[in-house]
Amino acid sequence: VVAVALPDEGTFAWLDEFLERNPRFVELSDRKILEWAMQSGVWKHKTYRSCNDKPEFGFELPSMDDFSLRRVINSIAPVMPRHYVVMEVK
C-alpha cells in the first residue's frame, strides 16, 4: 500500500488507525526506522526538529544519520514476503 496524503492533514493518524485494523501490514517509514532503533537500545542525541515524516535521527552513526539504512531496508523489503505500507509525505 502506498498512501497518498497531504502534509499536516492527519496522515500518520490515518496510518496508525490503518495498522491497528490491519496488523498483517508493516510500516516502512523514517518514523518506523527511528522507533526500531530506539527499541533496539540505540542511543539518540537530542534533536530539535520533530516531524513524523522526516524526523531527525541524531544517532551519530553514519549509516543511520545519512539514511543509508533506509536505502538498505527499501532494497530488501521487496524480497521479504510481507505486506507493507510505504509512508512518505511530500
Protein backbone atom coordinates (compact mmCIF):
# COMPACT_ATOMS: atom_id res chain seq x y z
CA VAL A 1 0.00 0.00 0.00
CA VAL A 2 1.33 3.42 -0.91
CA ALA A 3 -0.61 6.08 0.95
CA VAL A 4 -1.21 9.42 -0.77
CA ALA A 5 -1.90 12.35 1.54
CA LEU A 6 -1.12 15.99 2.27
CA PRO A 7 1.30 17.12 5.00
CA ASP A 8 -0.26 18.00 8.36
CA GLU A 9 -3.63 16.57 7.38
CA GLY A 10 -3.68 13.55 9.71
CA THR A 11 -1.62 11.24 7.52
CA PHE A 12 0.12 9.44 10.37
CA ALA A 13 -3.06 9.33 12.46
CA TRP A 14 -4.67 7.56 9.49
CA LEU A 15 -1.69 5.19 9.28
CA ASP A 16 -1.85 4.33 12.99
CA GLU A 17 -5.55 3.52 12.62
CA PHE A 18 -4.95 1.51 9.44
CA LEU A 19 -2.22 -0.57 11.09
CA GLU A 20 -4.41 -1.20 14.11
CA ARG A 21 -7.15 -2.58 11.85
CA ASN A 22 -4.68 -4.41 9.55
CA PRO A 23 -1.96 -5.94 11.74
CA ARG A 24 -0.52 -8.01 8.87
CA PHE A 25 0.89 -4.80 7.33
CA VAL A 26 4.35 -3.47 8.23
CA GLU A 27 5.07 0.26 8.09
CA LEU A 28 8.09 1.40 6.09
CA SER A 29 8.95 4.97 7.02
CA ASP A 30 11.61 7.06 8.70
CA ARG A 31 9.33 7.23 11.73
CA LYS A 32 9.34 3.42 11.98
CA ILE A 33 13.11 3.15 11.48
CA LEU A 34 13.55 5.62 14.34
CA GLU A 35 11.20 3.57 16.52
CA TRP A 36 13.02 0.30 15.70
CA ALA A 37 16.38 1.88 16.57
CA MET A 38 15.15 3.25 19.89
CA GLN A 39 13.53 -0.09 20.80
CA SER A 40 16.83 -1.79 19.98
CA GLY A 41 18.62 0.38 22.52
CA VAL A 42 20.40 2.72 20.10
CA TRP A 43 21.01 5.96 21.98
CA LYS A 44 19.78 9.13 20.30
CA HIS A 45 21.31 12.56 20.85
CA LYS A 46 18.97 15.48 21.36
CA THR A 47 17.50 16.84 18.13
CA TYR A 48 15.48 19.97 17.61
CA ARG A 49 13.36 19.23 14.56
CA SER A 50 10.47 16.86 15.15
CA CYS A 51 8.33 15.62 12.30
CA ASN A 52 6.69 12.23 11.76
CA ASP A 53 7.61 12.09 8.09
CA LYS A 54 11.22 13.25 8.24
CA PRO A 55 12.38 13.01 11.84
CA GLU A 56 15.97 13.89 12.65
CA PHE A 57 17.83 10.79 13.65
CA GLY A 58 20.80 12.28 15.53
CA PHE A 59 22.32 8.93 16.50
CA GLU A 60 25.83 9.98 15.42
CA LEU A 61 26.01 6.73 13.46
CA PRO A 62 26.82 7.48 9.82
CA SER A 63 24.65 4.71 8.33
CA MET A 64 21.68 5.91 10.38
CA ASP A 65 22.11 9.66 10.09
CA ASP A 66 22.71 9.69 6.33
CA PHE A 67 19.67 7.42 5.74
CA SER A 68 21.77 4.58 4.28
CA LEU A 69 19.77 2.23 6.48
CA ARG A 70 16.54 3.38 4.78
CA ARG A 71 18.03 2.52 1.38
CA VAL A 72 19.04 -0.94 2.64
CA ILE A 73 15.55 -1.61 4.04
CA ASN A 74 13.92 -0.41 0.80
CA SER A 75 16.21 -2.76 -1.16
CA ILE A 76 15.47 -5.79 1.00
CA ALA A 77 11.73 -5.26 1.50
CA PRO A 78 10.66 -6.45 -1.99
CA VAL A 79 12.13 -9.93 -1.41
CA MET A 80 10.52 -10.37 2.02
CA PRO A 81 7.05 -11.98 1.90
CA ARG A 82 5.17 -9.30 3.84
CA HIS A 83 2.50 -6.66 3.29
CA TYR A 84 3.94 -3.14 3.53
CA VAL A 85 2.61 0.38 3.89
CA VAL A 86 5.12 2.84 2.47
CA MET A 87 4.78 6.18 4.24
CA GLU A 88 6.37 9.33 2.93
CA VAL A 89 4.63 12.69 2.84
CA LYS A 90 5.86 15.23 0.31
